[in-house]
């Protein structure tokens, strides 16, 4: 099997997408990507990101493919966890403090910077609306983040998210409390829990 065939096989397994990094990680020649694009078997969507021609682009997957140090958060995470019925106008993405990658140049991305010690707190892999694996903060980290940043949140989205979270059967109040301690917002979270639970 040639590198071209192996890449196309990987693309099929990835739901129609592939990155240069995935090609290299699989020991394949990245120059094969150019040949596939020249032959119109693949389409270059952005630097290092390719898809089958005429596929509907999964913006969630595309954004996270640009950086291994990026996690969906805030209103985007609320939407992905069904804690908001509003499709986000932009993508909230959390990155480590000091991040200097290409996501800074995308108008539809709003970056949030956090210390490395709390960056991975509550990270999970979920499915994007298009069925691709993406990194997102879990329910409890998302709730902690919006409480911590409530003065910059849309009041309706904020209030509805808390009410919907309170009704969720899969909520984990112990985890919420644990996260709130690590994020130094324990008092705020306890006060809110007393009102909505």
Protein backbone atom coordinates (compact mmCIF):
# COMPACT_ATOMS: atom_id res chain seq x y z
CA UNK A 1 0.00 0.00 0.00
CA UNK A 2 1.41 3.42 -0.98
CA UNK A 3 1.61 6.44 1.33
CA UNK A 4 -1.19 8.04 -0.72
CA UNK A 5 -3.46 5.06 -0.10
CA UNK A 6 -2.54 4.91 3.60
CA UNK A 7 -3.32 8.61 4.02
CA UNK A 8 -6.70 8.23 2.32
CA UNK A 9 -7.43 5.27 4.60
CA UNK A 10 -6.57 7.43 7.66
CA UNK A 11 -8.78 10.22 6.33
CA UNK A 12 -11.71 7.79 6.11
CA UNK A 13 -11.10 6.58 9.68
CA UNK A 14 -10.95 10.24 10.88
CA UNK A 15 -14.37 11.10 9.50
CA UNK A 16 -12.99 12.85 6.41
CA UNK A 17 -10.19 14.90 8.01
CA UNK A 18 -6.43 14.64 8.54
CA UNK A 19 -3.62 16.85 9.79
CA UNK A 20 0.01 16.97 8.68
CA UNK A 21 0.94 15.93 12.23
CA UNK A 22 -1.17 12.75 11.95
CA UNK A 23 0.52 11.89 8.65
CA UNK A 24 4.00 12.35 10.14
CA UNK A 25 3.04 10.51 13.38
CA UNK A 26 2.04 7.51 11.24
CA UNK A 27 5.45 7.47 9.53
CA UNK A 28 4.09 8.67 6.19
CA UNK A 29 5.60 11.20 3.80
CA UNK A 30 3.88 14.56 4.26
CA UNK A 31 4.65 15.46 0.61
CA UNK A 32 1.95 12.93 -0.30
CA UNK A 33 -0.60 15.44 1.03
CA UNK A 34 0.36 17.89 -1.73
CA UNK A 35 0.01 15.18 -4.37
CA UNK A 36 -3.43 14.27 -3.03
CA UNK A 37 -4.46 17.94 -3.15
CA UNK A 38 -3.06 18.33 -6.69
CA UNK A 39 -5.11 15.29 -7.74
CA UNK A 40 -8.18 16.78 -6.00
CA UNK A 41 -8.51 13.78 -3.70
CA UNK A 42 -7.96 16.05 -0.68
CA UNK A 43 -8.64 19.72 -0.02
CA UNK A 44 -6.35 21.96 2.05
CA UNK A 45 -8.59 23.79 4.51
CA UNK A 46 -5.85 25.61 6.43
CA UNK A 47 -2.20 25.16 7.31
CA UNK A 48 -1.68 21.53 8.26
CA UNK A 49 -5.38 20.66 7.99
CA UNK A 50 -6.96 18.68 5.14
CA UNK A 51 -10.33 17.15 4.33
CA UNK A 52 -12.04 15.15 1.65
CA UNK A 53 -13.43 17.46 -1.08
CA UNK A 54 -16.91 18.89 -0.53
CA UNK A 55 -17.15 17.73 3.09
CA UNK A 56 -18.93 20.04 5.52
CA UNK A 57 -16.14 21.49 7.64
CA UNK A 58 -16.30 20.71 11.36
CA UNK A 59 -15.14 24.05 12.77
CA UNK A 60 -14.76 22.59 16.27
CA UNK A 61 -12.35 19.91 15.07
CA UNK A 62 -10.58 22.36 12.75
CA UNK A 63 -9.90 24.85 15.55
CA UNK A 64 -8.54 22.27 18.00
CA UNK A 65 -6.40 20.67 15.28
CA UNK A 66 -4.37 23.89 15.21
CA UNK A 67 -3.06 23.42 18.76
CA UNK A 68 -2.59 20.51 21.15
CA UNK A 69 -2.83 23.06 23.99
CA UNK A 70 -6.41 24.18 23.41
CA UNK A 71 -9.66 23.20 25.15
CA UNK A 72 -13.20 24.39 24.47
CA UNK A 73 -14.59 26.29 27.46
CA UNK A 74 -17.14 28.83 28.71
CA UNK A 75 -20.13 29.40 26.34
CA UNK A 76 -18.81 26.90 23.79
CA UNK A 77 -18.55 24.25 26.48
CA UNK A 78 -22.03 25.14 27.76
CA UNK A 79 -23.39 24.58 24.25
CA UNK A 80 -21.52 21.30 23.78
CA UNK A 81 -22.89 20.02 27.13
CA UNK A 82 -26.47 21.08 26.34
CA UNK A 83 -26.41 23.74 29.06
CA UNK A 84 -27.21 26.46 26.51
CA UNK A 85 -29.62 26.54 23.61
CA UNK A 86 -27.73 29.38 21.93
CA UNK A 87 -25.20 28.49 19.24
CA UNK A 88 -22.08 30.45 20.25
CA UNK A 89 -21.20 33.49 18.12
CA UNK A 90 -17.52 32.66 18.61
CA UNK A 91 -15.50 29.76 19.99
CA UNK A 92 -14.34 30.07 23.61
CA UNK A 93 -10.99 28.30 23.87
CA UNK A 94 -8.80 28.05 26.96
CA UNK A 95 -5.02 27.87 26.51
CA UNK A 96 -2.09 27.91 28.95
CA UNK A 97 -0.72 31.30 29.98
CA UNK A 98 2.07 32.25 27.59
CA UNK A 99 0.43 30.58 24.59
CA UNK A 100 1.58 32.17 21.33
CA UNK A 101 0.11 29.95 18.63
CA UNK A 102 -2.01 30.47 15.54
CA UNK A 103 -5.35 30.52 17.37
CA UNK A 104 -4.53 34.13 18.32
CA UNK A 105 -5.06 35.10 14.68
CA UNK A 106 -8.55 33.63 14.24
CA UNK A 107 -11.33 36.21 14.60
CA UNK A 108 -13.95 33.61 15.57
CA UNK A 109 -11.87 32.39 18.55
CA UNK A 110 -11.92 34.07 21.98
CA UNK A 111 -8.92 32.89 23.99
CA UNK A 112 -8.88 32.51 27.77
CA UNK A 113 -5.48 32.14 29.45
CA UNK A 114 -4.97 30.09 32.63
CA UNK A 115 -2.05 28.84 34.70
CA UNK A 116 -0.63 25.46 33.72
CA UNK A 117 -1.51 23.99 37.14
CA UNK A 118 -5.25 24.30 36.42
CA UNK A 119 -5.19 24.01 32.61
CA UNK A 120 -5.98 20.27 32.51
CA UNK A 121 -8.45 20.33 35.43
CA UNK A 122 -11.68 18.79 34.16
CA UNK A 123 -10.61 18.08 30.56
CA UNK A 124 -12.57 15.42 28.75
CA UNK A 125 -12.97 14.22 25.17
CA UNK A 126 -16.47 14.55 23.74
CA UNK A 127 -18.05 14.43 20.28
CA UNK A 128 -18.43 17.62 18.28
CA UNK A 129 -21.83 18.29 16.66
CA UNK A 130 -20.27 16.62 13.58
CA UNK A 131 -19.18 13.51 15.48
CA UNK A 132 -15.45 14.22 15.78
CA UNK A 133 -13.48 13.81 19.04
CA UNK A 134 -12.70 17.19 20.61
CA UNK A 135 -11.36 18.38 23.98
CA UNK A 136 -13.73 20.27 26.22
CA UNK A 137 -14.01 21.02 29.93
CA UNK A 138 -16.47 18.78 31.77
CA UNK A 139 -19.74 20.02 33.28
CA UNK A 140 -18.29 20.94 36.67
CA UNK A 141 -15.24 22.81 35.34
CA UNK A 142 -17.50 24.70 32.94
CA UNK A 143 -19.84 25.71 35.75
CA UNK A 144 -16.89 26.84 37.88
CA UNK A 145 -15.48 28.87 34.98
CA UNK A 146 -18.73 30.72 34.33
CA UNK A 147 -19.20 31.44 38.03
CA UNK A 148 -15.65 32.76 38.24
CA UNK A 149 -16.22 34.95 35.18
CA UNK A 150 -19.91 35.81 35.74
CA UNK A 151 -19.35 39.57 35.34
CA UNK A 152 -18.32 38.96 31.71
CA UNK A 153 -21.10 36.48 30.94
CA UNK A 154 -24.43 37.14 29.24
CA UNK A 155 -26.84 37.12 32.22
CA UNK A 156 -29.48 35.01 30.48
CA UNK A 157 -26.96 32.34 29.36
CA UNK A 158 -25.40 32.33 32.85
CA UNK A 159 -28.70 31.96 34.75
CA UNK A 160 -30.11 29.34 32.39
CA UNK A 161 -26.89 27.27 32.53
CA UNK A 162 -26.97 27.14 36.34
CA UNK A 163 -30.67 26.17 36.39
CA UNK A 164 -30.17 23.50 33.74
CA UNK A 165 -27.09 22.15 35.53
CA UNK A 166 -29.11 21.89 38.78
CA UNK A 167 -31.66 19.67 36.97
CA UNK A 168 -29.05 17.36 35.42
CA UNK A 169 -29.02 13.80 36.70
CA UNK A 170 -25.33 13.44 35.76
CA UNK A 171 -24.13 16.44 37.81
CA UNK A 172 -21.40 15.74 40.37
CA UNK A 173 -21.59 18.16 43.30
CA UNK A 174 -18.54 16.64 45.02
CA UNK A 175 -16.48 17.26 41.90
CA UNK A 176 -17.92 20.79 41.63
CA UNK A 177 -16.82 21.49 45.22
CA UNK A 178 -13.36 20.00 44.60
CA UNK A 179 -12.87 22.12 41.47
CA UNK A 180 -14.12 25.26 43.22
CA UNK A 181 -11.40 24.85 45.86
CA UNK A 182 -8.68 24.47 43.24
CA UNK A 183 -9.99 27.52 41.36
CA UNK A 184 -10.31 29.62 44.57
CA UNK A 185 -14.06 30.21 44.20
CA UNK A 186 -15.39 27.85 46.88
CA UNK A 187 -17.46 30.52 48.67
CA UNK A 188 -19.12 31.72 45.44
CA UNK A 189 -19.98 28.16 44.41
CA UNK A 190 -21.37 27.27 47.87
CA UNK A 191 -23.50 30.45 47.87
CA UNK A 192 -24.93 29.63 44.45
CA UNK A 193 -25.51 25.97 45.34
CA UNK A 194 -27.57 27.05 48.37
CA UNK A 195 -29.82 29.14 46.10
CA UNK A 196 -30.34 26.81 43.13
CA UNK A 197 -30.17 23.31 44.70
